[in-house]
Amino acid sequence: MNITREILSPLIAVIGAFVVGGLIIAILGDNPFEAYGLLLSASFGSIKDIGWTLHYATPLIFTGLAVAVAFRCGLLNIGAEGQIYVAAFAATWIGIKFGGVVAPWMVNNEVVPDYNWSWASLPAWLLIPMCVLAAVIAGGIWGGIPGYLKAKFGSHEVINTIMLNFIALALVGYLTQYHFKIPGDPIQQTANIGAAADIPKLNQFLPFIPADVPLNVAFLLAILMCVLVYLYLWKTKWGYELRAVGQNPLAAEYGGISPKKQIITAMTISGALAGMVAIGEVMGVRHNYYHEFTGNEWGFLGIAVALLGRNHPLGVFIAAIFFGVLLRGQIFVDAFTRYVSKDLGAVLQAIIILFVACLQMYSRSPRTKGKV
């Protein structure tokens, strides 16, 4: 691996995107330096700003890792969004059914205030791991389905994951609307999970973080997953086999590695990582399942994060922080500039992806340029 190229390529893409974005801002009639100043100061201007930036980056670390693992096996996981949805609902279901949830219910057009939604009331030390495990398993299963179809029938994982996104959204939407929504609630969301299923915010351990910053221990878990994914991919034989299939499945098979097994494994791990977004969002922020809660489309942004991070856990972490800056700062750019809207963040993201794709194509050797 050419370390210099691996570092310079994303850096050039980011700089190029900011130059092009600056030209667009200038054409619109605003000062690019002021707009970018707002973008950065809103992201790093205070402990509160940094906390919000890291909060936005947390789900992108998980989805970036999810896409990166699939990429390393020569696969493209477009289904992280659907994997997030089923994982979020699974974690919520466990949190409700075993969290001792008591919430209003409507009987004969009258509110019954003490309807018991739960089967049991478990302590936090047991309920939190159960919710986490539910999210990981649900996401892993939803990712493993297209992996199995690819390995067994050769059906393309891109098509399968896209279709499963729609199925996931429809399925959990139906379950929310007709089985777990409090009657009379105008918002399509479930009842809250039990308080024992909530994970703590970081300000409980680090008092200098303002209480209104939703950054929680899921961020620490995301860092841990970066380390574990690195160790798995580069320090174990299973990770070597997965990467070997991504480099050359025919050569890997000749060497005794089963490409089919690695395809299923990679997509299952990818789905499980994407599903871990639910830990922070359901158990740390919303405390329920809210339909279409991934307003920032973390599953799709994870593709950009993985590309910019060169499919390496450290690169994914840095890229996720960068995209967190865009998500945090674009709100203030929209509020305090005359003509530039918060869509500036989306524009920069798109330009970065284009630059990364172009640089990757340009940097290929003549031997591999004709290969996909």
Protein backbone atom coordinates (compact mmCIF):
# COMPACT_ATOMS: atom_id res chain seq x y z
CA MET A 1 0.00 0.00 0.00
CA ASN A 2 1.37 3.42 -0.96
CA ILE A 3 0.94 5.34 2.30
CA THR A 4 1.62 8.73 0.71
CA ARG A 5 -1.04 8.14 -1.93
CA GLU A 6 -3.51 6.87 0.64
CA ILE A 7 -3.13 10.10 2.63
CA LEU A 8 -2.77 12.60 -0.21
CA SER A 9 -5.68 11.38 -2.31
CA PRO A 10 -8.42 12.14 0.27
CA LEU A 11 -6.68 15.37 1.25
CA ILE A 12 -6.60 16.57 -2.37
CA ALA A 13 -10.28 15.63 -2.74
CA VAL A 14 -11.25 17.69 0.32
CA ILE A 15 -9.18 20.71 -0.73
CA GLY A 16 -10.54 20.52 -4.27
CA ALA A 17 -14.10 20.31 -2.99
CA PHE A 18 -13.62 23.38 -0.80
CA VAL A 19 -12.13 25.32 -3.71
CA VAL A 20 -15.04 24.44 -5.99
CA GLY A 21 -17.50 25.10 -3.16
CA GLY A 22 -15.87 28.47 -2.55
CA LEU A 23 -16.36 29.41 -6.18
CA ILE A 24 -20.04 28.46 -5.95
CA ILE A 25 -20.43 30.57 -2.79
CA ALA A 26 -18.76 33.53 -4.49
CA ILE A 27 -21.02 33.20 -7.53
CA LEU A 28 -24.06 33.21 -5.24
CA GLY A 29 -22.86 36.51 -3.76
CA ASP A 30 -21.47 35.51 -0.35
CA ASN A 31 -17.93 35.56 0.98
CA PRO A 32 -16.44 32.03 0.87
CA PHE A 33 -14.05 32.77 3.74
CA GLU A 34 -16.90 33.92 5.98
CA ALA A 35 -19.02 30.90 5.06
CA TYR A 36 -16.19 28.47 5.75
CA GLY A 37 -15.37 30.36 8.93
CA LEU A 38 -18.92 29.81 10.11
CA LEU A 39 -18.68 26.15 9.14
CA LEU A 40 -15.56 25.59 11.23
CA SER A 41 -16.40 27.83 14.19
CA ALA A 42 -19.80 26.17 14.56
CA SER A 43 -18.06 22.80 14.69
CA PHE A 44 -15.02 23.55 16.86
CA GLY A 45 -15.73 26.92 18.45
CA SER A 46 -16.53 25.52 21.90
CA ILE A 47 -16.81 22.31 23.87
CA LYS A 48 -20.51 22.30 23.03
CA ASP A 49 -19.78 22.63 19.31
CA ILE A 50 -17.22 19.83 19.43
CA GLY A 51 -19.68 17.63 21.31
CA TRP A 52 -22.33 18.17 18.66
CA THR A 53 -19.84 17.49 15.88
CA LEU A 54 -18.82 14.19 17.47
CA HIS A 55 -22.49 13.35 17.97
CA TYR A 56 -23.15 13.80 14.25
CA ALA A 57 -20.03 11.78 13.44
CA THR A 58 -20.95 8.79 15.62
CA PRO A 59 -23.50 7.09 13.30
CA LEU A 60 -21.23 7.82 10.33
CA ILE A 61 -18.38 5.92 11.98
CA PHE A 62 -20.59 2.85 12.22
CA THR A 63 -21.95 3.10 8.67
CA GLY A 64 -18.54 3.99 7.27
CA LEU A 65 -17.07 0.87 8.88
CA ALA A 66 -20.00 -1.17 7.57
CA VAL A 67 -19.42 -0.07 3.99
CA ALA A 68 -15.64 -0.42 4.34
CA VAL A 69 -15.85 -4.06 5.47
CA ALA A 70 -18.04 -4.89 2.47
CA PHE A 71 -15.70 -2.98 0.15
CA ARG A 72 -12.74 -4.97 1.43
CA CYS A 73 -14.49 -8.11 0.24
CA GLY A 74 -15.23 -6.58 -3.16
CA LEU A 75 -18.87 -5.81 -2.29
CA LEU A 76 -20.93 -2.64 -2.19
CA ASN A 77 -23.42 -2.42 0.65
CA ILE A 78 -26.11 0.10 -0.35
CA GLY A 79 -28.42 -1.32 2.30
CA ALA A 80 -27.00 0.20 5.48
CA GLU A 81 -30.05 2.44 5.71
CA GLY A 82 -32.42 -0.52 5.84
CA GLN A 83 -30.13 -2.35 8.26
CA ILE A 84 -30.28 0.68 10.56
CA TYR A 85 -34.09 0.67 10.49
CA VAL A 86 -34.57 -2.98 11.38
CA ALA A 87 -31.88 -2.75 14.06
CA ALA A 88 -33.47 0.36 15.57
CA PHE A 89 -36.86 -1.30 15.72
CA ALA A 90 -35.40 -4.49 17.19
CA ALA A 91 -33.64 -2.56 19.95
CA THR A 92 -36.83 -0.59 20.62
CA TRP A 93 -38.93 -3.76 20.75
CA ILE A 94 -36.65 -5.31 23.36
CA GLY A 95 -36.56 -2.04 25.29
CA ILE A 96 -40.35 -1.91 25.39
CA LYS A 97 -41.14 -5.57 25.98
CA PHE A 98 -38.56 -6.05 28.74
CA GLY A 99 -38.32 -2.51 30.06
CA GLY A 100 -41.45 -2.34 32.21
CA VAL A 101 -43.01 0.29 29.92
CA VAL A 102 -46.31 1.77 31.04
CA ALA A 103 -47.88 4.15 28.53
CA PRO A 104 -51.34 5.49 27.63
CA TRP A 105 -53.76 3.41 25.59
CA MET A 106 -57.10 4.26 24.00
CA VAL A 107 -60.14 2.12 24.85
CA ASN A 108 -63.59 3.17 23.60
CA ASN A 109 -62.19 6.62 22.75
CA GLU A 110 -61.01 7.11 26.32
CA VAL A 111 -57.41 7.18 27.47
CA VAL A 112 -56.40 4.38 29.81
CA PRO A 113 -53.25 5.81 31.43
CA ASP A 114 -51.71 2.66 32.89
CA TYR A 115 -51.63 0.19 29.98
CA ASN A 116 -48.66 -2.15 30.43
CA TRP A 117 -46.78 -2.67 27.16
CA SER A 118 -44.14 -4.99 28.65
CA TRP A 119 -43.71 -8.65 29.38
CA ALA A 120 -41.14 -8.03 32.09
CA SER A 121 -39.10 -5.33 33.80
CA LEU A 122 -35.41 -6.19 33.63
CA PRO A 123 -32.54 -4.33 35.31
CA ALA A 124 -30.23 -2.10 33.26
CA TRP A 125 -27.24 -4.46 33.48
CA LEU A 126 -29.28 -7.08 31.61
CA LEU A 127 -31.59 -4.96 29.45
CA ILE A 128 -28.91 -2.77 27.84
CA PRO A 129 -26.86 -5.74 26.54
CA MET A 130 -30.08 -7.34 25.27
CA CYS A 131 -31.00 -4.20 23.30
CA VAL A 132 -27.48 -3.89 21.91
CA LEU A 133 -27.47 -7.56 20.92
CA ALA A 134 -30.89 -7.19 19.27
CA ALA A 135 -29.63 -4.28 17.16
CA VAL A 136 -26.47 -6.14 16.12
CA ILE A 137 -28.30 -9.37 15.28
CA ALA A 138 -31.11 -7.64 13.37
CA GLY A 139 -28.68 -5.56 11.33
CA GLY A 140 -26.47 -8.59 10.72
CA ILE A 141 -29.38 -10.70 9.48
CA TRP A 142 -30.60 -7.92 7.20
CA GLY A 143 -27.08 -7.57 5.79
CA GLY A 144 -26.55 -11.30 5.56
CA ILE A 145 -29.62 -11.84 3.36
CA PRO A 146 -28.14 -10.13 0.26
CA GLY A 147 -24.81 -11.78 1.10
CA TYR A 148 -26.44 -15.21 0.98
CA LEU A 149 -28.29 -14.38 -2.24
CA LYS A 150 -25.02 -13.22 -3.80
CA ALA A 151 -23.12 -16.31 -2.69
CA LYS A 152 -25.88 -18.82 -3.51
CA PHE A 153 -27.41 -17.43 -6.69
CA GLY A 154 -24.98 -14.77 -7.88
CA SER A 155 -27.57 -12.00 -7.60
CA HIS A 156 -26.00 -8.57 -7.36
CA GLU A 157 -25.74 -7.21 -3.82
CA VAL A 158 -26.42 -3.63 -4.92
CA ILE A 159 -29.86 -4.50 -6.29
CA ASN A 160 -30.69 -6.71 -3.32
CA THR A 161 -29.63 -4.19 -0.69
CA ILE A 162 -31.56 -1.38 -2.37
CA MET A 163 -34.71 -3.51 -2.48
CA LEU A 164 -34.24 -4.55 1.14
CA ASN A 165 -34.10 -0.88 2.12
CA PHE A 166 -37.66 -0.46 0.88
CA ILE A 167 -38.79 -3.69 2.54
CA ALA A 168 -37.23 -2.66 5.86
CA LEU A 169 -38.84 0.77 5.79
CA ALA A 170 -42.27 -0.67 4.95
CA LEU A 171 -42.05 -3.50 7.48
CA VAL A 172 -41.02 -1.44 10.50
CA GLY A 173 -43.41 1.32 9.44
CA TYR A 174 -46.30 -1.14 9.52
CA LEU A 175 -45.27 -2.57 12.90
CA THR A 176 -44.92 0.91 14.36
CA GLN A 177 -48.19 2.22 13.00
CA TYR A 178 -50.41 -0.72 13.92
CA HIS A 179 -48.77 -2.39 16.91
CA PHE A 180 -46.44 -0.12 18.87
CA LYS A 181 -47.64 3.44 18.41
CA ILE A 182 -49.56 5.05 21.25
CA PRO A 183 -53.09 5.61 19.89
CA GLY A 184 -53.78 9.27 19.23
CA ASP A 185 -50.12 10.16 18.76
CA PRO A 186 -49.92 12.16 15.49
CA ILE A 187 -46.26 11.15 15.00
CA GLN A 188 -45.42 7.72 13.67
CA GLN A 189 -43.29 6.59 16.57
CA THR A 190 -43.38 3.88 19.21
CA ALA A 191 -43.83 4.20 22.92
CA ASN A 192 -40.59 4.96 24.78
CA ILE A 193 -38.28 2.15 25.80
CA GLY A 194 -37.88 1.43 29.50
CA ALA A 195 -35.61 3.79 31.40
CA ALA A 196 -33.34 0.85 32.24
CA ALA A 197 -32.48 0.55 28.53
CA ASP A 198 -31.14 4.11 28.28
CA ILE A 199 -27.38 4.54 27.86
CA PRO A 200 -25.70 7.51 29.59
CA LYS A 201 -24.53 10.72 27.99
CA LEU A 202 -20.83 11.47 28.19
CA ASN A 203 -21.46 14.56 30.29
CA GLN A 204 -22.29 12.21 33.19
CA PHE A 205 -18.61 11.21 33.17
CA LEU A 206 -17.15 14.43 31.71
CA PRO A 207 -18.96 17.34 33.41
CA PHE A 208 -17.31 19.94 31.16
CA ILE A 209 -19.55 18.72 28.31
CA PRO A 210 -22.82 20.71 28.42
CA ALA A 211 -25.86 18.72 29.49
CA ASP A 212 -27.81 19.61 26.33
CA VAL A 213 -25.24 17.90 24.07
CA PRO A 214 -26.62 14.43 23.15
CA LEU A 215 -23.17 12.84 22.75
CA ASN A 216 -23.32 9.50 24.54
CA VAL A 217 -21.29 6.35 25.13
CA ALA A 218 -22.11 5.14 21.62
CA PHE A 219 -19.25 7.38 20.50
CA LEU A 220 -16.84 5.40 22.66
CA LEU A 221 -18.29 2.20 21.25
CA ALA A 222 -17.71 3.55 17.72
CA ILE A 223 -14.03 4.13 18.55
CA LEU A 224 -13.80 0.61 19.94
CA MET A 225 -15.31 -0.79 16.75
CA CYS A 226 -12.70 1.03 14.67
CA VAL A 227 -10.01 -0.78 16.66
CA LEU A 228 -11.76 -4.16 16.47
CA VAL A 229 -12.42 -3.89 12.73
CA TYR A 230 -8.76 -3.05 12.16
CA LEU A 231 -7.62 -6.01 14.25
CA TYR A 232 -10.07 -8.31 12.49
CA LEU A 233 -9.15 -7.26 8.94
CA TRP A 234 -5.38 -6.99 9.33
CA LYS A 235 -4.43 -9.15 12.31
CA THR A 236 -6.49 -12.31 11.91
CA LYS A 237 -6.59 -15.04 9.29
CA TRP A 238 -10.33 -14.47 8.84
CA GLY A 239 -9.73 -10.85 7.92
CA TYR A 240 -6.95 -11.89 5.55
CA GLU A 241 -9.30 -14.34 3.84
CA LEU A 242 -11.98 -11.67 3.51
CA ARG A 243 -9.54 -9.19 1.97
CA ALA A 244 -8.08 -11.88 -0.30
CA VAL A 245 -11.51 -12.53 -1.79
CA GLY A 246 -11.91 -8.80 -2.35
CA GLN A 247 -8.57 -8.60 -4.15
CA ASN A 248 -8.99 -11.66 -6.36
CA PRO A 249 -11.74 -14.23 -5.66
CA LEU A 250 -10.35 -16.74 -8.16
CA ALA A 251 -6.87 -16.67 -6.65
CA ALA A 252 -8.37 -16.84 -3.15
CA GLU A 253 -10.43 -19.88 -4.09
CA TYR A 254 -7.35 -21.51 -5.62
CA GLY A 255 -5.61 -20.94 -2.28
CA GLY A 256 -8.33 -22.78 -0.38
CA ILE A 257 -10.49 -19.81 0.66
CA SER A 258 -14.24 -20.02 0.08
CA PRO A 259 -15.44 -16.82 -1.64
CA LYS A 260 -19.05 -17.69 -0.88
CA LYS A 261 -18.37 -17.99 2.84
CA GLN A 262 -16.48 -14.70 2.89
CA ILE A 263 -19.23 -12.88 0.97
CA ILE A 264 -21.84 -13.95 3.51
CA THR A 265 -19.49 -13.14 6.40
CA ALA A 266 -18.60 -9.70 5.07
CA MET A 267 -22.20 -8.67 4.45
CA THR A 268 -23.30 -9.99 7.84
CA ILE A 269 -20.56 -8.06 9.65
CA SER A 270 -21.36 -5.01 7.53
CA GLY A 271 -25.04 -5.17 8.48
CA ALA A 272 -24.21 -5.66 12.15
CA LEU A 273 -21.97 -2.57 12.15
CA ALA A 274 -24.67 -0.50 10.46
CA GLY A 275 -27.20 -1.77 12.98
CA MET A 276 -25.08 -0.39 15.83
CA VAL A 277 -26.27 3.10 14.85
CA ALA A 278 -29.43 2.16 16.76
CA ILE A 279 -27.51 1.98 20.03
CA GLY A 280 -26.78 5.68 20.13
CA GLU A 281 -29.94 6.90 18.46
CA VAL A 282 -32.56 4.73 20.14
CA MET A 283 -30.95 4.09 23.51
CA GLY A 284 -29.09 7.37 23.86
CA VAL A 285 -31.03 10.11 22.07
CA ARG A 286 -34.65 9.40 21.10
CA HIS A 287 -35.47 6.53 23.49
CA ASN A 288 -37.99 5.21 21.00
CA TYR A 289 -38.31 4.25 17.35
CA TYR A 290 -39.29 7.20 15.18
CA HIS A 291 -40.16 6.35 11.60
CA GLU A 292 -37.69 7.77 9.07
CA PHE A 293 -35.48 8.94 11.93
CA THR A 294 -32.30 8.87 9.80
CA GLY A 295 -32.96 12.32 8.42
CA ASN A 296 -29.31 12.70 7.46
CA GLU A 297 -29.40 9.37 5.56
CA TRP A 298 -26.48 7.90 7.49
CA GLY A 299 -26.56 4.66 5.54
CA PHE A 300 -25.86 6.42 2.26
CA LEU A 301 -23.41 8.90 3.77
CA GLY A 302 -21.47 5.91 5.07
CA ILE A 303 -20.50 5.17 1.46
CA ALA A 304 -18.92 8.61 1.14
CA VAL A 305 -17.21 8.20 4.51
CA ALA A 306 -15.73 4.84 3.48
CA LEU A 307 -14.56 6.21 0.13
CA LEU A 308 -12.92 9.24 1.68
CA GLY A 309 -11.42 7.09 4.43
CA ARG A 310 -9.96 4.67 1.87
CA ASN A 311 -11.81 1.77 3.52
CA HIS A 312 -9.48 1.84 6.51
CA PRO A 313 -10.86 2.16 10.08
CA LEU A 314 -8.61 5.12 10.92
CA GLY A 315 -9.52 6.82 7.66
CA VAL A 316 -13.20 6.12 8.30
CA PHE A 317 -12.95 7.72 11.75
CA ILE A 318 -11.31 10.87 10.38
CA ALA A 319 -13.71 11.07 7.44
CA ALA A 320 -16.70 10.66 9.76
CA ILE A 321 -15.46 13.58 11.89
CA PHE A 322 -15.11 15.65 8.73
CA PHE A 323 -18.65 14.85 7.62
CA GLY A 324 -19.81 15.60 11.17
CA VAL A 325 -18.30 19.06 10.70
CA LEU A 326 -20.34 19.54 7.53
CA LEU A 327 -23.56 18.36 9.17
CA ARG A 328 -23.05 20.59 12.21
CA GLY A 329 -21.72 23.66 10.42
CA GLN A 330 -24.19 23.76 7.55
CA ILE A 331 -26.97 24.73 9.97
CA PHE A 332 -25.15 27.92 10.93
CA VAL A 333 -24.10 28.69 7.37
CA ASP A 334 -27.77 28.56 6.43
CA ALA A 335 -28.72 30.88 9.31
CA PHE A 336 -25.98 33.51 9.08
CA THR A 337 -25.26 33.95 5.36
CA ARG A 338 -27.40 35.78 2.85
CA TYR A 339 -27.61 33.36 -0.03
CA VAL A 340 -25.93 30.09 0.95
CA SER A 341 -28.26 27.43 2.35
CA LYS A 342 -27.52 24.38 4.45
CA ASP A 343 -27.36 22.45 1.18
CA LEU A 344 -23.74 23.61 1.04
CA GLY A 345 -22.88 20.54 3.12
CA ALA A 346 -24.53 18.22 0.62
CA VAL A 347 -22.79 19.99 -2.28
CA LEU A 348 -19.38 19.58 -0.64
CA GLN A 349 -20.11 15.92 0.08
CA ALA A 350 -21.03 15.29 -3.56
CA ILE A 351 -17.95 17.11 -4.90
CA ILE A 352 -15.69 15.18 -2.54
CA ILE A 353 -17.09 11.87 -3.78
CA LEU A 354 -16.51 12.94 -7.38
CA PHE A 355 -12.93 13.96 -6.63
CA VAL A 356 -12.24 10.73 -4.74
CA ALA A 357 -13.63 8.64 -7.62
CA CYS A 358 -11.61 10.56 -10.20
CA LEU A 359 -8.39 10.37 -8.20
CA GLN A 360 -8.88 6.68 -7.57
CA MET A 361 -9.32 6.04 -11.29
CA TYR A 362 -6.32 8.21 -12.14
CA SER A 363 -4.10 6.50 -9.57
CA ARG A 364 -4.75 3.00 -10.89
CA SER A 365 -1.86 1.29 -12.57
CA PRO A 366 -2.12 0.57 -16.32
CA ARG A 367 -2.52 -3.11 -15.44
CA THR A 368 -5.70 -2.48 -13.44
CA LYS A 369 -7.25 0.53 -15.18
CA GLY A 370 -9.55 -1.57 -17.31
CA LYS A 371 -10.84 -3.55 -14.34
CA VAL A 372 -13.81 -2.66 -12.20
